[in-house]
N, C-alpha and C. Protein backbone atom coordinates (compact mmCIF):
# COMPACT_ATOMS: atom_id res chain seq x y z
N MET A 1 16.01 -12.00 42.46
CA MET A 1 15.60 -11.11 43.53
C MET A 1 16.27 -9.75 43.40
N GLU A 2 17.51 -9.71 42.94
CA GLU A 2 18.20 -8.44 42.79
C GLU A 2 17.52 -7.58 41.72
N ASP A 3 17.01 -8.19 40.66
CA ASP A 3 16.34 -7.43 39.61
C ASP A 3 15.11 -6.71 40.17
N ASN A 4 14.38 -7.37 41.05
CA ASN A 4 13.20 -6.77 41.67
C ASN A 4 13.59 -5.57 42.54
N ASN A 5 14.67 -5.73 43.32
CA ASN A 5 15.16 -4.63 44.14
C ASN A 5 15.64 -3.46 43.29
N GLU A 6 16.32 -3.77 42.20
CA GLU A 6 16.81 -2.72 41.31
C GLU A 6 15.64 -1.98 40.67
N LEU A 7 14.62 -2.71 40.27
CA LEU A 7 13.43 -2.09 39.70
C LEU A 7 12.76 -1.19 40.73
N ASN A 8 12.69 -1.65 41.95
CA ASN A 8 12.10 -0.83 43.00
C ASN A 8 12.93 0.41 43.26
N SER A 9 14.24 0.29 43.19
CA SER A 9 15.11 1.44 43.38
C SER A 9 14.92 2.45 42.26
N ASN A 10 14.79 1.97 41.04
CA ASN A 10 14.56 2.88 39.91
C ASN A 10 13.20 3.56 40.03
N GLU A 11 12.21 2.79 40.43
CA GLU A 11 10.88 3.39 40.60
C GLU A 11 10.92 4.45 41.70
N TYR A 12 11.62 4.12 42.77
CA TYR A 12 11.73 5.08 43.89
C TYR A 12 12.44 6.35 43.43
N LEU A 13 13.50 6.20 42.66
CA LEU A 13 14.25 7.35 42.16
C LEU A 13 13.37 8.20 41.23
N GLU A 14 12.60 7.56 40.36
CA GLU A 14 11.69 8.29 39.47
C GLU A 14 10.64 9.04 40.26
N MET A 15 10.08 8.40 41.28
CA MET A 15 9.07 9.07 42.10
C MET A 15 9.67 10.25 42.85
N ALA A 16 10.88 10.07 43.36
CA ALA A 16 11.55 11.16 44.08
C ALA A 16 11.83 12.34 43.14
N ASN A 17 12.28 12.04 41.94
CA ASN A 17 12.52 13.10 40.95
C ASN A 17 11.23 13.82 40.57
N HIS A 18 10.16 13.05 40.41
CA HIS A 18 8.87 13.65 40.08
C HIS A 18 8.38 14.54 41.23
N ALA A 19 8.53 14.05 42.44
CA ALA A 19 8.11 14.84 43.61
C ALA A 19 8.90 16.14 43.69
N LYS A 20 10.19 16.07 43.41
CA LYS A 20 11.03 17.27 43.43
C LYS A 20 10.57 18.25 42.36
N GLU A 21 10.24 17.77 41.18
CA GLU A 21 9.75 18.66 40.11
C GLU A 21 8.45 19.34 40.53
N VAL A 22 7.55 18.59 41.15
CA VAL A 22 6.28 19.15 41.59
C VAL A 22 6.50 20.22 42.65
N VAL A 23 7.38 19.94 43.60
CA VAL A 23 7.67 20.90 44.67
C VAL A 23 8.34 22.15 44.08
N ASP A 24 9.29 21.96 43.17
CA ASP A 24 9.97 23.10 42.54
C ASP A 24 8.98 23.98 41.76
N GLU A 25 8.06 23.33 41.06
CA GLU A 25 7.04 24.06 40.30
C GLU A 25 6.13 24.85 41.25
N ALA A 26 5.72 24.23 42.34
CA ALA A 26 4.87 24.91 43.32
C ALA A 26 5.62 26.08 43.96
N GLN A 27 6.90 25.90 44.24
CA GLN A 27 7.71 26.98 44.83
C GLN A 27 7.85 28.15 43.85
N ALA A 28 8.04 27.84 42.57
CA ALA A 28 8.14 28.90 41.55
C ALA A 28 6.84 29.70 41.47
N LYS A 29 5.70 29.00 41.53
CA LYS A 29 4.40 29.70 41.53
C LYS A 29 4.25 30.55 42.77
N MET A 30 4.65 30.03 43.92
CA MET A 30 4.54 30.78 45.17
C MET A 30 5.40 32.04 45.10
N ASP A 31 6.61 31.92 44.58
CA ASP A 31 7.49 33.07 44.44
C ASP A 31 6.88 34.13 43.53
N LEU A 32 6.26 33.67 42.42
CA LEU A 32 5.59 34.60 41.51
C LEU A 32 4.43 35.29 42.19
N TYR A 33 3.62 34.55 42.95
CA TYR A 33 2.49 35.16 43.67
C TYR A 33 2.96 36.18 44.70
N LYS A 34 4.06 35.87 45.38
CA LYS A 34 4.59 36.81 46.36
C LYS A 34 5.05 38.10 45.68
N LYS A 35 5.72 37.96 44.53
CA LYS A 35 6.18 39.13 43.79
C LYS A 35 4.99 39.96 43.30
N GLN A 36 3.97 39.31 42.75
CA GLN A 36 2.78 40.03 42.29
C GLN A 36 2.05 40.70 43.44
N ASN A 37 2.01 40.03 44.57
CA ASN A 37 1.36 40.59 45.76
C ASN A 37 2.08 41.86 46.20
N MET A 38 3.40 41.83 46.21
CA MET A 38 4.18 43.00 46.61
C MET A 38 3.94 44.15 45.63
N GLU A 39 3.91 43.87 44.35
CA GLU A 39 3.65 44.91 43.35
C GLU A 39 2.26 45.52 43.53
N LEU A 40 1.29 44.68 43.82
CA LEU A 40 -0.07 45.17 44.05
C LEU A 40 -0.11 46.08 45.27
N LYS A 41 0.57 45.69 46.32
CA LYS A 41 0.63 46.53 47.52
C LYS A 41 1.27 47.87 47.22
N LYS A 42 2.36 47.87 46.48
CA LYS A 42 3.02 49.13 46.11
C LYS A 42 2.08 50.02 45.29
N ASN A 43 1.37 49.42 44.36
CA ASN A 43 0.43 50.19 43.53
C ASN A 43 -0.70 50.77 44.36
N LEU A 44 -1.24 49.98 45.28
CA LEU A 44 -2.32 50.48 46.14
C LEU A 44 -1.84 51.64 47.00
N ILE A 45 -0.66 51.52 47.54
CA ILE A 45 -0.12 52.60 48.38
C ILE A 45 0.11 53.85 47.54
N SER A 46 0.59 53.69 46.32
CA SER A 46 0.80 54.85 45.43
C SER A 46 -0.52 55.53 45.10
N ILE A 47 -1.53 54.75 44.78
CA ILE A 47 -2.85 55.30 44.48
C ILE A 47 -3.41 56.02 45.70
N TYR A 48 -3.26 55.41 46.85
CA TYR A 48 -3.75 56.03 48.08
C TYR A 48 -3.06 57.37 48.31
N GLY A 49 -1.76 57.42 48.11
CA GLY A 49 -1.01 58.67 48.28
C GLY A 49 -1.48 59.74 47.31
N ALA A 50 -1.71 59.34 46.06
CA ALA A 50 -2.20 60.30 45.06
C ALA A 50 -3.57 60.84 45.44
N ILE A 51 -4.42 60.00 45.94
CA ILE A 51 -5.76 60.43 46.36
C ILE A 51 -5.66 61.38 47.55
N ARG A 52 -4.75 61.10 48.47
CA ARG A 52 -4.56 62.00 49.63
C ARG A 52 -4.09 63.38 49.17
N ILE A 53 -3.16 63.42 48.20
CA ILE A 53 -2.69 64.70 47.65
C ILE A 53 -3.83 65.42 46.96
N LEU A 54 -4.61 64.68 46.17
CA LEU A 54 -5.76 65.28 45.47
C LEU A 54 -6.76 65.81 46.49
N ASP A 55 -6.97 65.09 47.55
CA ASP A 55 -7.88 65.54 48.61
C ASP A 55 -7.39 66.85 49.22
N HIS A 56 -6.08 66.94 49.40
CA HIS A 56 -5.52 68.18 49.97
C HIS A 56 -5.77 69.36 49.02
N PHE A 57 -5.60 69.16 47.72
CA PHE A 57 -5.79 70.24 46.76
C PHE A 57 -7.26 70.62 46.61
N THR A 58 -8.18 69.66 46.82
CA THR A 58 -9.59 69.97 46.62
C THR A 58 -10.18 70.76 47.79
N CYS A 59 -9.41 70.93 48.86
CA CYS A 59 -9.88 71.76 49.96
C CYS A 59 -9.98 73.22 49.53
N MET A 60 -9.33 73.56 48.44
CA MET A 60 -9.32 74.93 47.96
C MET A 60 -10.61 75.17 47.16
N ASP A 61 -10.54 75.99 46.17
CA ASP A 61 -11.73 76.39 45.40
C ASP A 61 -12.11 75.35 44.36
N THR A 62 -12.86 74.33 44.76
CA THR A 62 -13.37 73.33 43.82
C THR A 62 -14.84 73.13 44.10
N SER A 63 -15.51 72.48 43.17
CA SER A 63 -16.94 72.26 43.34
C SER A 63 -17.20 71.23 44.45
N GLU A 64 -18.35 71.30 45.00
CA GLU A 64 -18.73 70.39 46.10
C GLU A 64 -18.78 68.95 45.58
N GLU A 65 -19.19 68.74 44.32
CA GLU A 65 -19.27 67.38 43.77
C GLU A 65 -17.90 66.74 43.69
N ILE A 66 -16.90 67.51 43.29
CA ILE A 66 -15.54 66.97 43.21
C ILE A 66 -15.04 66.64 44.61
N ASN A 67 -15.32 67.51 45.56
CA ASN A 67 -14.90 67.25 46.96
C ASN A 67 -15.52 65.96 47.47
N ILE A 68 -16.79 65.75 47.20
CA ILE A 68 -17.48 64.53 47.65
C ILE A 68 -16.86 63.30 46.99
N TYR A 69 -16.60 63.40 45.70
CA TYR A 69 -16.03 62.27 44.97
C TYR A 69 -14.64 61.92 45.50
N VAL A 70 -13.81 62.91 45.70
CA VAL A 70 -12.46 62.67 46.22
C VAL A 70 -12.53 62.10 47.63
N GLU A 71 -13.44 62.62 48.44
CA GLU A 71 -13.61 62.11 49.79
C GLU A 71 -14.03 60.64 49.77
N PHE A 72 -14.94 60.31 48.84
CA PHE A 72 -15.37 58.93 48.69
C PHE A 72 -14.20 58.03 48.30
N LEU A 73 -13.41 58.48 47.30
CA LEU A 73 -12.27 57.70 46.86
C LEU A 73 -11.25 57.48 47.96
N ARG A 74 -11.01 58.53 48.73
CA ARG A 74 -10.07 58.42 49.84
C ARG A 74 -10.55 57.40 50.87
N GLY A 75 -11.80 57.45 51.22
CA GLY A 75 -12.34 56.49 52.17
C GLY A 75 -12.31 55.07 51.64
N TYR A 76 -12.66 54.92 50.37
CA TYR A 76 -12.67 53.59 49.74
C TYR A 76 -11.26 53.01 49.70
N MET A 77 -10.27 53.81 49.31
CA MET A 77 -8.89 53.33 49.27
C MET A 77 -8.37 53.06 50.68
N SER A 78 -8.80 53.83 51.64
CA SER A 78 -8.39 53.56 53.03
C SER A 78 -8.87 52.18 53.44
N ASP A 79 -10.12 51.86 53.15
CA ASP A 79 -10.66 50.56 53.48
C ASP A 79 -9.91 49.43 52.78
N ILE A 80 -9.65 49.62 51.52
CA ILE A 80 -8.92 48.60 50.74
C ILE A 80 -7.53 48.39 51.33
N CYS A 81 -6.83 49.48 51.58
CA CYS A 81 -5.46 49.37 52.10
C CYS A 81 -5.46 48.71 53.47
N GLU A 82 -6.39 49.06 54.32
CA GLU A 82 -6.45 48.46 55.66
C GLU A 82 -6.72 46.97 55.56
N ASN A 83 -7.64 46.58 54.70
CA ASN A 83 -8.00 45.16 54.57
C ASN A 83 -6.95 44.35 53.85
N PHE A 84 -6.36 44.91 52.83
CA PHE A 84 -5.48 44.14 51.96
C PHE A 84 -4.03 44.14 52.45
N ILE A 85 -3.54 45.26 52.90
CA ILE A 85 -2.13 45.38 53.24
C ILE A 85 -1.83 44.88 54.62
N SER A 86 -2.74 44.99 55.55
CA SER A 86 -2.43 44.54 56.91
C SER A 86 -2.60 43.06 57.08
């Protein structure tokens, strides 16, 4: 009877170790996703800032087509930032 209990204890220990490995692996992936998410947010904010600066400069003597394009980009990035970052 003791051999059966010992076998069950070993099986339990193996299952617990396997479960810990699975959880640790999932946590590592989650940490990586969080880091990538933060980097993406920083990049979006930087791009949005650059477009805002470009929009400010295009108020001067530039063609109407460039103004329209920059205005479109600014609006598009605003929508992305509002949806993604908030």
